Amino acid sequence: MPAPRGLLSIFPHPDDESYGAGGLMALAAAAGNPVWVLCVTNGDQGGRPGEVGVDHSLDPDIRCRELTCACEALGVAEPIFLGYRDSGMEGWGAPEGSLALADPAEVVERMVEEIRRLRPAIIVTFDPGGIYGHPDHVKCSATATEAFRLAAAEPGGPIALYHQVMPRSRIAATRAAMEEERRRSGDTAPPSEDDLRQQEAFARLARPDEDITTTVAIGEVLDRKLAALACHDSQMRGRRWEDPEVRRGLEEMFGHETFVRVYPAPNPGDLEERPIGLEWGGR
């Protein structure tokens, strides 16, 4: 059986992939690796983000088209959808057919089927806290991690699992860059209840810096990552980040992507600039 090859990113909503691992995916694809995105939900609760007490429903076709656009911008294969509904933020009330209400064993089984079909070498998903605790982020991490465990035990299964994380040392700088970007974009609305809860969760769930095993510099593909984010127009609210004065802030916010290698566990103190299991052209 041929050896597994390439990278499979498993994320819950359209746009999670671009924020968390868009640079890594673009780099891996540019180096000749097959790269896929498995999107678990259709993101249909992503309308009018950051507002409480409103109808968050959004045409799922919009978000699916946006993800297809983002994958094209990153240079990776067309996305694969499992088709669960977006569960919405904690406290909103998960709709029928949402990931939050789905049987975890069913979700895992469907993920394993895709892993068997694609036969990637490595899998990337959220860390257990889901960056800021969104119910879909947390469940995606748990089910994708279990799917990796099961698939890795089979002949020709994946050889490495990475969790995408936010390091504690970057919280303050990232928040400052985001606030500056909002100011320059003309977004003067005060933080909503959801915004404040997310900010608290970002800080609480960030990983200690010593946990980080893999820090990927993505400067050479930053424009691809920004183009992919711009594809998610329903979430970006028209932002394009074309002002050259904000470039430094963007490099601070998005210039590196950080991961924990879950399996195989590295030796204490070992650090990587690229994930194992992929072709990097001598890097």
C-alpha atoms as a PDB file:
ATOM      1  CA  MET A   1       0.000   0.000   0.000  1.00  0.00           C
ATOM      2  CA  PRO A   2       1.424   3.434  -0.898  1.00  0.00           C
ATOM      3  CA  ALA A   3       2.454   5.599   2.040  1.00  0.00           C
ATOM      4  CA  PRO A   4      -0.047   8.228   3.226  1.00  0.00           C
ATOM      5  CA  ARG A   5       0.545  11.648   1.727  1.00  0.00           C
ATOM      6  CA  GLY A   6      -0.590  15.205   2.274  1.00  0.00           C
ATOM      7  CA  LEU A   7      -2.485  17.268   4.828  1.00  0.00           C
ATOM      8  CA  LEU A   8      -6.119  17.087   5.910  1.00  0.00           C
ATOM      9  CA  SER A   9      -7.457  20.010   7.945  1.00  0.00           C
ATOM     10  CA  ILE A  10     -10.648  19.268   9.872  1.00  0.00           C
ATOM     11  CA  PHE A  11     -12.458  22.381  11.083  1.00  0.00           C
ATOM     12  CA  PRO A  12     -16.075  23.041  12.070  1.00  0.00           C
ATOM     13  CA  HIS A  13     -17.060  26.170  10.122  1.00  0.00           C
ATOM     14  CA  PRO A  14     -16.125  27.927   6.896  1.00  0.00           C
ATOM     15  CA  ASP A  15     -13.398  30.489   7.815  1.00  0.00           C
ATOM     16  CA  ASP A  16     -11.947  28.448  10.727  1.00  0.00           C
ATOM     17  CA  GLU A  17      -9.533  26.830   8.290  1.00  0.00           C
ATOM     18  CA  SER A  18      -8.193  30.153   6.980  1.00  0.00           C
ATOM     19  CA  TYR A  19      -7.741  31.704  10.405  1.00  0.00           C
ATOM     20  CA  GLY A  20      -6.163  28.684  12.028  1.00  0.00           C
ATOM     21  CA  ALA A  21      -4.113  26.936   9.359  1.00  0.00           C
ATOM     22  CA  GLY A  22      -4.504  28.814   6.082  1.00  0.00           C
ATOM     23  CA  GLY A  23      -0.828  29.669   5.896  1.00  0.00           C
ATOM     24  CA  LEU A  24       0.289  26.116   6.655  1.00  0.00           C
ATOM     25  CA  MET A  25      -2.071  24.762   4.009  1.00  0.00           C
ATOM     26  CA  ALA A  26      -0.851  27.240   1.402  1.00  0.00           C
ATOM     27  CA  LEU A  27       2.794  26.413   2.170  1.00  0.00           C
ATOM     28  CA  ALA A  28       2.133  22.668   2.045  1.00  0.00           C
ATOM     29  CA  ALA A  29       0.285  22.931  -1.272  1.00  0.00           C
ATOM     30  CA  ALA A  30       2.997  25.131  -2.787  1.00  0.00           C
ATOM     31  CA  ALA A  31       5.565  22.472  -1.827  1.00  0.00           C
ATOM     32  CA  GLY A  32       3.636  19.864  -3.803  1.00  0.00           C
ATOM     33  CA  ASN A  33       1.609  18.180  -1.068  1.00  0.00           C
ATOM     34  CA  PRO A  34      -2.072  17.355  -1.600  1.00  0.00           C
ATOM     35  CA  VAL A  35      -4.128  19.421   0.844  1.00  0.00           C
ATOM     36  CA  TRP A  36      -7.793  19.072   1.743  1.00  0.00           C
ATOM     37  CA  VAL A  37     -10.255  20.822   4.036  1.00  0.00           C
ATOM     38  CA  LEU A  38     -12.994  18.814   5.712  1.00  0.00           C
ATOM     39  CA  CYS A  39     -15.629  21.268   6.955  1.00  0.00           C
ATOM     40  CA  VAL A  40     -17.966  19.702   9.497  1.00  0.00           C
ATOM     41  CA  THR A  41     -20.842  22.227   9.452  1.00  0.00           C
ATOM     42  CA  ASN A  42     -22.410  24.569   6.928  1.00  0.00           C
ATOM     43  CA  GLY A  43     -21.922  27.660   9.111  1.00  0.00           C
ATOM     44  CA  ASP A  44     -25.581  28.642   8.853  1.00  0.00           C
ATOM     45  CA  GLN A  45     -25.587  30.360  12.264  1.00  0.00           C
ATOM     46  CA  GLY A  46     -22.870  32.770  11.151  1.00  0.00           C
ATOM     47  CA  GLY A  47     -25.065  35.715  10.217  1.00  0.00           C
ATOM     48  CA  ARG A  48     -24.727  39.107  11.929  1.00  0.00           C
ATOM     49  CA  PRO A  49     -21.827  37.928  14.118  1.00  0.00           C
ATOM     50  CA  GLY A  50     -21.345  39.328  17.604  1.00  0.00           C
ATOM     51  CA  GLU A  51     -24.980  40.207  18.282  1.00  0.00           C
ATOM     52  CA  VAL A  52     -27.178  38.659  20.960  1.00  0.00           C
ATOM     53  CA  GLY A  53     -30.940  38.351  20.760  1.00  0.00           C
ATOM     54  CA  VAL A  54     -31.137  38.352  16.972  1.00  0.00           C
ATOM     55  CA  ASP A  55     -31.690  35.724  14.314  1.00  0.00           C
ATOM     56  CA  HIS A  56     -28.225  34.477  13.339  1.00  0.00           C
ATOM     57  CA  SER A  57     -29.454  32.313  10.465  1.00  0.00           C
ATOM     58  CA  LEU A  58     -27.597  32.696   7.187  1.00  0.00           C
ATOM     59  CA  ASP A  59     -28.023  30.984   3.836  1.00  0.00           C
ATOM     60  CA  PRO A  60     -25.606  28.027   4.107  1.00  0.00           C
ATOM     61  CA  ASP A  61     -24.902  28.196   0.383  1.00  0.00           C
ATOM     62  CA  ILE A  62     -23.227  31.559   0.977  1.00  0.00           C
ATOM     63  CA  ARG A  63     -20.758  30.122   3.447  1.00  0.00           C
ATOM     64  CA  CYS A  64     -20.113  27.021   1.346  1.00  0.00           C
ATOM     65  CA  ARG A  65     -19.307  29.205  -1.665  1.00  0.00           C
ATOM     66  CA  GLU A  66     -17.041  31.348   0.504  1.00  0.00           C
ATOM     67  CA  LEU A  67     -15.092  28.271   1.621  1.00  0.00           C
ATOM     68  CA  THR A  68     -14.715  27.107  -1.978  1.00  0.00           C
ATOM     69  CA  CYS A  69     -13.327  30.558  -2.813  1.00  0.00           C
ATOM     70  CA  ALA A  70     -10.931  30.388   0.168  1.00  0.00           C
ATOM     71  CA  CYS A  71      -9.614  26.969  -0.841  1.00  0.00           C
ATOM     72  CA  GLU A  72      -8.940  28.277  -4.331  1.00  0.00           C
ATOM     73  CA  ALA A  73      -7.067  31.278  -2.859  1.00  0.00           C
ATOM     74  CA  LEU A  74      -4.936  28.942  -0.733  1.00  0.00           C
ATOM     75  CA  GLY A  75      -4.214  26.660  -3.692  1.00  0.00           C
ATOM     76  CA  VAL A  76      -5.787  23.561  -2.123  1.00  0.00           C
ATOM     77  CA  ALA A  77      -8.463  21.091  -3.219  1.00  0.00           C
ATOM     78  CA  GLU A  78     -12.163  21.919  -3.183  1.00  0.00           C
ATOM     79  CA  PRO A  79     -13.650  21.582   0.297  1.00  0.00           C
ATOM     80  CA  ILE A  80     -15.448  18.525   1.612  1.00  0.00           C
ATOM     81  CA  PHE A  81     -18.573  19.097   3.716  1.00  0.00           C
ATOM     82  CA  LEU A  82     -20.131  16.768   6.291  1.00  0.00           C
ATOM     83  CA  GLY A  83     -23.258  18.939   6.232  1.00  0.00           C
ATOM     84  CA  TYR A  84     -24.154  19.312   9.902  1.00  0.00           C
ATOM     85  CA  ARG A  85     -25.821  22.560  10.879  1.00  0.00           C
ATOM     86  CA  ASP A  86     -23.881  25.190  12.784  1.00  0.00           C
ATOM     87  CA  SER A  87     -24.686  24.912  16.508  1.00  0.00           C
ATOM     88  CA  GLY A  88     -24.267  28.611  17.218  1.00  0.00           C
ATOM     89  CA  MET A  89     -22.524  30.060  20.244  1.00  0.00           C
ATOM     90  CA  GLU A  90     -23.030  28.709  23.735  1.00  0.00           C
ATOM     91  CA  GLY A  91     -26.370  29.889  25.075  1.00  0.00           C
ATOM     92  CA  TRP A  92     -28.022  30.422  21.687  1.00  0.00           C
ATOM     93  CA  GLY A  93     -29.746  27.043  21.602  1.00  0.00           C
ATOM     94  CA  ALA A  94     -28.459  24.500  19.082  1.00  0.00           C
ATOM     95  CA  PRO A  95     -30.844  23.938  16.125  1.00  0.00           C
ATOM     96  CA  GLU A  96     -32.049  20.553  14.953  1.00  0.00           C
ATOM     97  CA  GLY A  97     -29.456  18.831  12.787  1.00  0.00           C
ATOM     98  CA  SER A  98     -26.562  20.729  14.358  1.00  0.00           C
ATOM     99  CA  LEU A  99     -23.166  19.293  15.207  1.00  0.00           C
ATOM    100  CA  ALA A 100     -23.774  19.833  18.929  1.00  0.00           C
ATOM    101  CA  LEU A 101     -26.750  17.455  18.816  1.00  0.00           C
ATOM    102  CA  ALA A 102     -25.123  14.857  16.557  1.00  0.00           C
ATOM    103  CA  ASP A 103     -24.063  11.450  17.883  1.00  0.00           C
ATOM    104  CA  PRO A 104     -20.269  11.720  18.392  1.00  0.00           C
ATOM    105  CA  ALA A 105     -19.754   8.134  17.200  1.00  0.00           C
ATOM    106  CA  GLU A 106     -21.516   8.965  13.930  1.00  0.00           C
ATOM    107  CA  VAL A 107     -19.369  12.070  13.408  1.00  0.00           C
ATOM    108  CA  VAL A 108     -16.197  10.087  14.083  1.00  0.00           C
ATOM    109  CA  GLU A 109     -17.240   7.328  11.693  1.00  0.00           C
ATOM    110  CA  ARG A 110     -17.896   9.820   8.892  1.00  0.00           C
ATOM    111  CA  MET A 111     -14.519  11.474   9.487  1.00  0.00           C
ATOM    112  CA  VAL A 112     -12.747   8.107   9.432  1.00  0.00           C
ATOM    113  CA  GLU A 113     -14.407   7.303   6.093  1.00  0.00           C
ATOM    114  CA  GLU A 114     -12.952  10.491   4.597  1.00  0.00           C
ATOM    115  CA  ILE A 115      -9.523   9.804   6.087  1.00  0.00           C
ATOM    116  CA  ARG A 116      -9.549   6.320   4.544  1.00  0.00           C
ATOM    117  CA  ARG A 117     -10.564   7.753   1.183  1.00  0.00           C
ATOM    118  CA  LEU A 118      -8.008  10.597   1.118  1.00  0.00           C
ATOM    119  CA  ARG A 119      -5.182   8.868   3.030  1.00  0.00           C
ATOM    120  CA  PRO A 120      -3.446  11.998   4.348  1.00  0.00           C
ATOM    121  CA  ALA A 121      -0.166  11.787   6.222  1.00  0.00           C
ATOM    122  CA  ILE A 122      -1.114  14.396   8.808  1.00  0.00           C
ATOM    123  CA  ILE A 123      -4.310  15.791  10.266  1.00  0.00           C
ATOM    124  CA  VAL A 124      -4.775  19.265  11.742  1.00  0.00           C
ATOM    125  CA  THR A 125      -7.704  20.361  13.890  1.00  0.00           C
ATOM    126  CA  PHE A 126      -8.461  22.657  16.840  1.00  0.00           C
ATOM    127  CA  ASP A 127      -7.032  22.011  20.281  1.00  0.00           C
ATOM    128  CA  PRO A 128      -9.479  20.685  22.927  1.00  0.00           C
ATOM    129  CA  GLY A 129     -10.524  24.182  24.045  1.00  0.00           C
ATOM    130  CA  GLY A 130     -11.409  25.163  20.501  1.00  0.00           C
ATOM    131  CA  ILE A 131      -9.457  28.471  20.826  1.00  0.00           C
ATOM    132  CA  TYR A 132     -12.412  30.236  22.465  1.00  0.00           C
ATOM    133  CA  GLY A 133     -14.733  27.442  23.541  1.00  0.00           C
ATOM    134  CA  HIS A 134     -17.304  27.483  20.729  1.00  0.00           C
ATOM    135  CA  PRO A 135     -19.335  24.247  21.103  1.00  0.00           C
ATOM    136  CA  ASP A 136     -18.615  23.219  17.509  1.00  0.00           C
ATOM    137  CA  HIS A 137     -14.897  23.925  17.908  1.00  0.00           C
ATOM    138  CA  VAL A 138     -14.723  21.743  21.006  1.00  0.00           C
ATOM    139  CA  LYS A 139     -16.700  18.872  19.468  1.00  0.00           C
ATOM    140  CA  CYS A 140     -14.742  19.053  16.215  1.00  0.00           C
ATOM    141  CA  SER A 141     -11.486  18.740  18.141  1.00  0.00           C
ATOM    142  CA  ALA A 142     -12.712  15.741  20.126  1.00  0.00           C
ATOM    143  CA  THR A 143     -14.189  13.876  17.165  1.00  0.00           C
ATOM    144  CA  ALA A 144     -11.325  14.629  14.762  1.00  0.00           C
ATOM    145  CA  THR A 145      -8.798  13.523  17.383  1.00  0.00           C
ATOM    146  CA  GLU A 146     -10.673  10.246  17.904  1.00  0.00           C
ATOM    147  CA  ALA A 147     -10.997   9.765  14.142  1.00  0.00           C
ATOM    148  CA  PHE A 148      -7.236  10.185  13.819  1.00  0.00           C
ATOM    149  CA  ARG A 149      -6.659   7.620  16.588  1.00  0.00           C
ATOM    150  CA  LEU A 150      -8.836   5.042  14.859  1.00  0.00           C
ATOM    151  CA  ALA A 151      -7.512   5.697  11.348  1.00  0.00           C
ATOM    152  CA  ALA A 152      -3.872   5.768  12.489  1.00  0.00           C
ATOM    153  CA  ALA A 153      -4.259   2.220  13.800  1.00  0.00           C
ATOM    154  CA  GLU A 154      -5.127   0.958  10.309  1.00  0.00           C
ATOM    155  CA  PRO A 155      -2.626   0.095   7.551  1.00  0.00           C
ATOM    156  CA  GLY A 156      -1.750   3.209   5.562  1.00  0.00           C
ATOM    157  CA  GLY A 157      -3.319   5.486   8.179  1.00  0.00           C
ATOM    158  CA  PRO A 158      -2.145   9.006   9.049  1.00  0.00           C
ATOM    159  CA  ILE A 159       1.139   9.333  10.900  1.00  0.00           C
ATOM    160  CA  ALA A 160       0.798  12.648  12.760  1.00  0.00           C
ATOM    161  CA  LEU A 161      -1.855  14.749  14.493  1.00  0.00           C
ATOM    162  CA  TYR A 162      -1.544  18.470  15.177  1.00  0.00           C
ATOM    163  CA  HIS A 163      -3.778  20.742  17.238  1.00  0.00           C
ATOM    164  CA  GLN A 164      -3.945  24.397  16.218  1.00  0.00           C
ATOM    165  CA  VAL A 165      -3.553  26.606  19.293  1.00  0.00           C
ATOM    166  CA  MET A 166      -3.273  30.195  20.487  1.00  0.00           C
ATOM    167  CA  PRO A 167      -0.167  30.800  22.671  1.00  0.00           C
ATOM    168  CA  ARG A 168      -0.639  32.974  25.738  1.00  0.00           C
ATOM    169  CA  SER A 169       2.208  35.296  24.785  1.00  0.00           C
ATOM    170  CA  ARG A 170       0.332  36.408  21.662  1.00  0.00           C
ATOM    171  CA  ILE A 171      -2.991  37.281  23.279  1.00  0.00           C
ATOM    172  CA  ALA A 172      -2.214  40.919  24.080  1.00  0.00           C
ATOM    173  CA  ALA A 173      -0.494  41.660  20.762  1.00  0.00           C
ATOM    174  CA  THR A 174      -3.199  39.938  18.735  1.00  0.00           C
ATOM    175  CA  ARG A 175      -5.959  41.789  20.581  1.00  0.00           C
ATOM    176  CA  ALA A 176      -4.175  45.128  20.011  1.00  0.00           C
ATOM    177  CA  ALA A 177      -3.714  44.387  16.313  1.00  0.00           C
ATOM    178  CA  MET A 178      -7.370  43.435  15.972  1.00  0.00           C
ATOM    179  CA  GLU A 179      -8.509  46.627  17.689  1.00  0.00           C
ATOM    180  CA  GLU A 180      -6.263  48.747  15.462  1.00  0.00           C
ATOM    181  CA  GLU A 181      -7.555  46.954  12.371  1.00  0.00           C
ATOM    182  CA  ARG A 182     -11.144  47.555  13.487  1.00  0.00           C
ATOM    183  CA  ARG A 183     -10.414  51.238  14.074  1.00  0.00           C
ATOM    184  CA  ARG A 184      -8.845  51.712  10.660  1.00  0.00           C
ATOM    185  CA  SER A 185     -11.693  49.841   8.964  1.00  0.00           C
ATOM    186  CA  GLY A 186     -14.213  52.244  10.494  1.00  0.00           C
ATOM    187  CA  ASP A 187     -15.853  49.629  12.726  1.00  0.00           C
ATOM    188  CA  THR A 188     -16.771  51.820  15.709  1.00  0.00           C
ATOM    189  CA  ALA A 189     -19.401  49.556  17.285  1.00  0.00           C
ATOM    190  CA  PRO A 190     -18.661  48.767  20.939  1.00  0.00           C
ATOM    191  CA  PRO A 191     -17.905  45.125  21.800  1.00  0.00           C
ATOM    192  CA  SER A 192     -21.046  43.039  22.156  1.00  0.00           C
ATOM    193  CA  GLU A 193     -21.758  40.518  24.901  1.00  0.00           C
ATOM    194  CA  ASP A 194     -20.563  37.761  22.592  1.00  0.00           C
ATOM    195  CA  ASP A 195     -17.395  39.726  21.775  1.00  0.00           C
ATOM    196  CA  LEU A 196     -16.565  40.173  25.461  1.00  0.00           C
ATOM    197  CA  ARG A 197     -17.202  36.509  26.244  1.00  0.00           C
ATOM    198  CA  GLN A 198     -14.982  35.488  23.365  1.00  0.00           C
ATOM    199  CA  GLN A 199     -12.179  37.804  24.499  1.00  0.00           C
ATOM    200  CA  GLU A 200     -12.318  36.301  27.986  1.00  0.00           C
ATOM    201  CA  ALA A 201     -12.315  32.777  26.578  1.00  0.00           C
ATOM    202  CA  PHE A 202      -9.370  33.514  24.246  1.00  0.00           C
ATOM    203  CA  ALA A 203      -7.261  34.483  27.272  1.00  0.00           C
ATOM    204  CA  ARG A 204      -8.501  31.637  29.481  1.00  0.00           C
ATOM    205  CA  LEU A 205      -8.077  28.890  26.880  1.00  0.00           C
ATOM    206  CA  ALA A 206      -4.784  30.038  25.339  1.00  0.00           C
ATOM    207  CA  ARG A 207      -2.014  27.482  25.720  1.00  0.00           C
ATOM    208  CA  PRO A 208       1.167  28.101  27.725  1.00  0.00           C
ATOM    209  CA  ASP A 209       4.012  28.942  25.378  1.00  0.00           C
ATOM    210  CA  GLU A 210       5.992  25.935  26.552  1.00  0.00           C
ATOM    211  CA  ASP A 211       3.272  23.667  25.118  1.00  0.00           C
ATOM    212  CA  ILE A 212       3.849  24.936  21.567  1.00  0.00           C
ATOM    213  CA  THR A 213       5.820  22.445  19.478  1.00  0.00           C
ATOM    214  CA  THR A 214       5.421  23.871  15.981  1.00  0.00           C
ATOM    215  CA  THR A 215       5.614  27.525  14.927  1.00  0.00           C
ATOM    216  CA  VAL A 216       5.196  28.036  11.190  1.00  0.00           C
ATOM    217  CA  ALA A 217       6.302  31.360   9.683  1.00  0.00           C
ATOM    218  CA  ILE A 218       3.876  32.083   6.842  1.00  0.00           C
ATOM    219  CA  GLY A 219       5.132  35.458   5.603  1.00  0.00           C
ATOM    220  CA  GLU A 220       5.751  34.152   2.099  1.00  0.00           C
ATOM    221  CA  VAL A 221       2.087  33.123   1.759  1.00  0.00           C
ATOM    222  CA  LEU A 222       0.502  35.813   3.943  1.00  0.00           C
ATOM    223  CA  ASP A 223      -1.182  37.379   0.914  1.00  0.00           C
ATOM    224  CA  ARG A 224      -2.801  34.032   0.130  1.00  0.00           C
ATOM    225  CA  LYS A 225      -4.090  33.746   3.688  1.00  0.00           C
ATOM    226  CA  LEU A 226      -5.505  37.276   3.571  1.00  0.00           C
ATOM    227  CA  ALA A 227      -7.139  36.540   0.208  1.00  0.00           C
ATOM    228  CA  ALA A 228      -8.703  33.409   1.686  1.00  0.00           C
ATOM    229  CA  LEU A 229     -10.035  35.367   4.660  1.00  0.00           C
ATOM    230  CA  ALA A 230     -11.442  37.995   2.303  1.00  0.00           C
ATOM    231  CA  CYS A 231     -13.394  35.221   0.573  1.00  0.00           C
ATOM    232  CA  HIS A 232     -15.363  34.800   3.812  1.00  0.00           C
ATOM    233  CA  ASP A 233     -17.107  38.104   3.204  1.00  0.00           C
ATOM    234  CA  SER A 234     -20.141  37.277   5.352  1.00  0.00           C
ATOM    235  CA  GLN A 235     -17.795  37.091   8.343  1.00  0.00           C
ATOM    236  CA  MET A 236     -15.273  39.774   7.373  1.00  0.00           C
ATOM    237  CA  ARG A 237     -18.019  42.392   6.885  1.00  0.00           C
ATOM    238  CA  GLY A 238     -16.309  43.908   3.856  1.00  0.00           C
ATOM    239  CA  ARG A 239     -12.796  44.137   5.283  1.00  0.00           C
ATOM    240  CA  ARG A 240     -10.018  43.734   2.725  1.00  0.00           C
ATOM    241  CA  TRP A 241      -6.990  45.021   4.648  1.00  0.00           C
ATOM    242  CA  GLU A 242      -5.603  46.807   1.596  1.00  0.00           C
ATOM    243  CA  ASP A 243      -4.293  49.818   3.533  1.00  0.00           C
ATOM    244  CA  PRO A 244      -0.470  49.469   3.564  1.00  0.00           C
ATOM    245  CA  GLU A 245      -0.391  51.128   6.989  1.00  0.00           C
ATOM    246  CA  VAL A 246      -2.070  48.107   8.563  1.00  0.00           C
ATOM    247  CA  ARG A 247       0.389  45.618   7.063  1.00  0.00           C
ATOM    248  CA  ARG A 248       2.587  45.535  10.157  1.00  0.00           C
ATOM    249  CA  GLY A 249      -0.414  44.747  12.328  1.00  0.00           C
ATOM    250  CA  LEU A 250      -1.490  41.996   9.973  1.00  0.00           C
ATOM    251  CA  GLU A 251       1.959  40.451  10.065  1.00  0.00           C
ATOM    252  CA  GLU A 252       1.804  40.538  13.869  1.00  0.00           C
ATOM    253  CA  MET A 253      -1.649  38.983  13.920  1.00  0.00           C
ATOM    254  CA  PHE A 254      -1.268  36.410  11.146  1.00  0.00           C
ATOM    255  CA  GLY A 255       2.449  36.053  10.375  1.00  0.00           C
ATOM    256  CA  HIS A 256       2.886  32.840  12.368  1.00  0.00           C
ATOM    257  CA  GLU A 257       0.636  29.850  12.953  1.00  0.00           C
ATOM    258  CA  THR A 258       1.135  27.760  16.063  1.00  0.00           C
ATOM    259  CA  PHE A 259       0.432  24.100  16.742  1.00  0.00           C
ATOM    260  CA  VAL A 260       0.940  21.341  19.277  1.00  0.00           C
ATOM    261  CA  ARG A 261       2.065  18.024  17.853  1.00  0.00           C
ATOM    262  CA  VAL A 262      -0.156  15.563  19.661  1.00  0.00           C
ATOM    263  CA  TYR A 263       1.093  12.408  17.956  1.00  0.00           C
ATOM    264  CA  PRO A 264       3.791  11.287  17.786  1.00  0.00           C
ATOM    265  CA  ALA A 265       4.595  13.229  20.932  1.00  0.00           C
ATOM    266  CA  PRO A 266       7.898  15.106  20.549  1.00  0.00           C
ATOM    267  CA  ASN A 267      10.726  14.817  23.023  1.00  0.00           C
ATOM    268  CA  PRO A 268      10.671  17.522  25.721  1.00  0.00           C
ATOM    269  CA  GLY A 269      12.075  20.758  24.304  1.00  0.00           C
ATOM    270  CA  ASP A 270      11.905  19.670  20.664  1.00  0.00           C
ATOM    271  CA  LEU A 271      10.591  22.445  18.408  1.00  0.00           C
ATOM    272  CA  GLU A 272       9.613  22.437  14.724  1.00  0.00           C
ATOM    273  CA  GLU A 273       9.307  25.038  12.006  1.00  0.00           C
ATOM    274  CA  ARG A 274       7.307  22.680   9.776  1.00  0.00           C
ATOM    275  CA  PRO A 275       5.105  19.661  10.550  1.00  0.00           C
ATOM    276  CA  ILE A 276       6.561  16.213   9.989  1.00  0.00           C
ATOM    277  CA  GLY A 277       5.122  13.892   7.369  1.00  0.00           C
ATOM    278  CA  LEU A 278       4.993  16.423   4.523  1.00  0.00           C
ATOM    279  CA  GLU A 279       7.352  17.200   1.643  1.00  0.00           C
ATOM    280  CA  TRP A 280       9.070  20.571   2.113  1.00  0.00           C
ATOM    281  CA  GLY A 281      11.548  20.599  -0.771  1.00  0.00           C
ATOM    282  CA  GLY A 282      14.631  20.352   1.410  1.00  0.00           C
ATOM    283  CA  ARG A 283      13.481  22.845   4.065  1.00  0.00           C
END
